Amino acid sequence: MFKAAQFRAKAQESAESLKHTNVPAEIREFQRSVQSFNQLAQNEDWLANNFEKMVHAGDALPAVETTTADPGSAPIVEMEEKVLRCLGAAVIMQWSSIPTKLQRDLFDTAGSLGDVLQTVALRGQIARFLHGHKDEEVTMKGTLRNA
C-alpha cells in the first residue's frame, strides 16, 4: 500500500523527468503525473489526519462473521472499507467542482443510507460535515496549485 511519502517521491520523480524533456506530449503527461501523485499524497494525509472522525464500516454495519466456509470475507470487508474511505475523501476534496445537481443527488443518497428513523439526523451531520470542510477544501486545492 502506498503512503503519502511514497506518492510524494513519485511526484518528485515525475517532476525530475519533466525537466529532461522537450516533447509536448511527455511534458503534459509528466505534469499530470506530478499533480496526480501530489493529490494522492494529500488524500493519504487527509485520511490519516481524519481517520478517527470517519464512520467505519465495522461501526456502522453488522459484523461479518467468518466461518470455515467463508474464510476470505474479512479481508474483503477491510478492502471495501478502504475503497469507500478513499472514494469518500476524493468526493469531498472535489466537492466544490461537482455540479450542484450532482451534489444534491449525492447528498440525498448519502442521507438515505442509514436507519430510516435516523435520516434527518444523518442528513444534518452530513450537511455540517460538508460545511465544516468547505474551507479545508479550498486550502488543499490552493496548496496543490502552489506545489
Protein backbone atom coordinates (compact mmCIF):
# COMPACT_ATOMS: atom_id res chain seq x y z
CA MET A 1 0.00 0.00 0.00
CA PHE A 2 1.33 3.42 -0.94
CA LYS A 3 1.81 6.03 1.76
CA ALA A 4 1.87 9.80 1.35
CA ALA A 5 5.68 9.89 1.32
CA GLN A 6 5.78 7.32 -1.49
CA PHE A 7 3.30 9.36 -3.55
CA ARG A 8 5.42 12.47 -2.98
CA ALA A 9 8.54 10.59 -4.09
CA LYS A 10 6.74 9.54 -7.29
CA ALA A 11 5.67 13.16 -7.85
CA GLN A 12 9.28 14.25 -7.44
CA GLU A 13 10.43 11.58 -9.94
CA SER A 14 7.90 12.86 -12.47
CA ALA A 15 8.99 16.46 -11.82
CA GLU A 16 12.61 15.47 -12.47
CA SER A 17 11.64 13.68 -15.69
CA LEU A 18 9.72 16.79 -16.73
CA LYS A 19 12.94 18.81 -16.56
CA HIS A 20 14.61 16.50 -19.09
CA THR A 21 12.10 16.51 -21.94
CA ASN A 22 11.05 18.87 -24.68
CA VAL A 23 8.33 16.64 -26.15
CA PRO A 24 4.92 18.32 -25.60
CA ALA A 25 3.06 15.03 -25.03
CA GLU A 26 5.61 13.94 -22.43
CA ILE A 27 5.50 17.34 -20.75
CA ARG A 28 1.70 17.09 -20.38
CA GLU A 29 1.94 13.51 -19.11
CA PHE A 30 4.62 14.34 -16.52
CA GLN A 31 2.66 17.42 -15.36
CA ARG A 32 -0.45 15.26 -14.99
CA SER A 33 1.57 12.68 -13.06
CA VAL A 34 3.01 15.28 -10.68
CA GLN A 35 -0.45 16.66 -9.98
CA SER A 36 -1.99 13.20 -9.54
CA PHE A 37 0.72 11.94 -7.18
CA ASN A 38 0.56 15.15 -5.12
CA GLN A 39 -3.21 14.83 -4.84
CA LEU A 40 -2.92 11.17 -3.84
CA ALA A 41 -0.41 12.18 -1.16
CA GLN A 42 -2.84 14.80 0.12
CA ASN A 43 -5.62 12.22 0.15
CA GLU A 44 -3.48 9.88 2.26
CA ASP A 45 -2.60 12.73 4.62
CA TRP A 46 -6.26 13.70 4.95
CA LEU A 47 -7.28 10.09 5.61
CA ALA A 48 -4.57 9.71 8.25
CA ASN A 49 -5.45 13.01 9.94
CA ASN A 50 -9.21 12.41 9.93
CA PHE A 51 -9.39 8.66 10.47
CA GLU A 52 -10.90 8.98 13.94
CA LYS A 53 -13.63 11.33 12.63
CA MET A 54 -14.84 8.91 9.97
CA VAL A 55 -17.61 6.38 10.19
CA HIS A 56 -16.03 2.96 9.81
CA ALA A 57 -17.81 0.07 8.15
CA GLY A 58 -17.32 -2.10 11.22
CA ASP A 59 -19.03 0.54 13.38
CA ALA A 60 -21.96 1.18 11.05
CA LEU A 61 -22.65 -2.30 9.70
CA PRO A 62 -23.31 -5.58 11.45
CA ALA A 63 -20.13 -7.60 11.95
CA VAL A 64 -19.37 -10.08 9.21
CA GLU A 65 -18.88 -13.46 10.75
CA THR A 66 -16.13 -15.51 9.23
CA THR A 67 -16.59 -19.22 9.14
CA THR A 68 -14.50 -22.00 7.73
CA ALA A 69 -16.84 -21.97 4.73
CA ASP A 70 -16.03 -18.30 4.03
CA PRO A 71 -12.53 -17.59 5.35
CA GLY A 72 -11.81 -14.74 2.93
CA SER A 73 -14.68 -12.41 3.82
CA ALA A 74 -12.84 -10.35 6.49
CA PRO A 75 -10.09 -9.13 4.12
CA ILE A 76 -12.77 -8.30 1.54
CA VAL A 77 -14.65 -6.17 4.08
CA GLU A 78 -11.42 -4.37 5.03
CA MET A 79 -10.58 -3.76 1.37
CA GLU A 80 -14.08 -2.47 0.65
CA GLU A 81 -13.89 -0.17 3.68
CA LYS A 82 -10.62 1.31 2.41
CA VAL A 83 -12.07 1.78 -1.09
CA LEU A 84 -15.13 3.54 0.33
CA ARG A 85 -12.94 5.77 2.53
CA CYS A 86 -10.77 6.73 -0.42
CA LEU A 87 -13.74 7.40 -2.70
CA GLY A 88 -15.44 9.44 0.00
CA ALA A 89 -12.32 11.52 0.61
CA ALA A 90 -11.91 12.07 -3.14
CA VAL A 91 -15.52 13.25 -3.44
CA ILE A 92 -15.08 15.65 -0.51
CA MET A 93 -11.86 17.04 -1.98
CA GLN A 94 -13.61 17.75 -5.29
CA TRP A 95 -16.99 18.80 -3.81
CA SER A 96 -16.93 22.42 -5.00
CA SER A 97 -16.14 21.38 -8.58
CA ILE A 98 -19.05 18.90 -8.70
CA PRO A 99 -22.17 20.32 -10.41
CA THR A 100 -24.84 21.45 -7.94
CA LYS A 101 -27.41 18.91 -9.16
CA LEU A 102 -24.96 16.05 -8.63
CA GLN A 103 -24.05 17.47 -5.19
CA ARG A 104 -27.74 17.36 -4.25
CA ASP A 105 -28.11 13.80 -5.59
CA LEU A 106 -25.04 12.63 -3.65
CA PHE A 107 -26.28 14.38 -0.50
CA ASP A 108 -29.75 12.81 -0.84
CA THR A 109 -28.32 9.35 -1.46
CA ALA A 110 -25.86 9.56 1.43
CA GLY A 111 -28.57 10.91 3.72
CA SER A 112 -30.82 7.95 2.98
CA LEU A 113 -28.22 5.22 3.61
CA GLY A 114 -28.73 4.96 7.35
CA ASP A 115 -31.62 3.83 9.51
CA VAL A 116 -34.88 5.36 8.26
CA LEU A 117 -35.61 6.75 11.72
CA GLN A 118 -32.21 8.47 11.78
CA THR A 119 -32.38 10.02 8.27
CA VAL A 120 -32.94 13.58 9.48
CA ALA A 121 -30.08 13.36 11.97
CA LEU A 122 -27.76 11.82 9.36
CA ARG A 123 -28.60 14.49 6.80
CA GLY A 124 -27.82 17.17 9.40
CA GLN A 125 -24.49 15.52 10.22
CA ILE A 126 -23.59 15.33 6.52
CA ALA A 127 -24.56 18.96 5.96
CA ARG A 128 -22.46 20.11 8.94
CA PHE A 129 -19.53 17.99 7.75
CA LEU A 130 -19.67 19.44 4.23
CA HIS A 131 -19.99 22.97 5.54
CA GLY A 132 -17.17 22.47 8.02
CA HIS A 133 -14.80 21.11 5.37
CA LYS A 134 -15.57 23.72 2.72
CA ASP A 135 -12.66 25.95 3.82
CA GLU A 136 -10.26 22.97 4.09
CA GLU A 137 -11.05 22.01 0.50
CA VAL A 138 -10.16 25.46 -0.80
CA THR A 139 -6.92 25.39 1.22
CA MET A 140 -5.98 21.95 -0.10
CA LYS A 141 -6.61 22.97 -3.71
CA GLY A 142 -4.57 26.16 -3.24
CA THR A 143 -1.75 24.07 -1.83
CA LEU A 144 -1.85 21.82 -4.89
CA ARG A 145 -1.59 24.77 -7.25
CA ASN A 146 1.38 26.14 -5.34
CA ALA A 147 3.18 22.77 -5.24
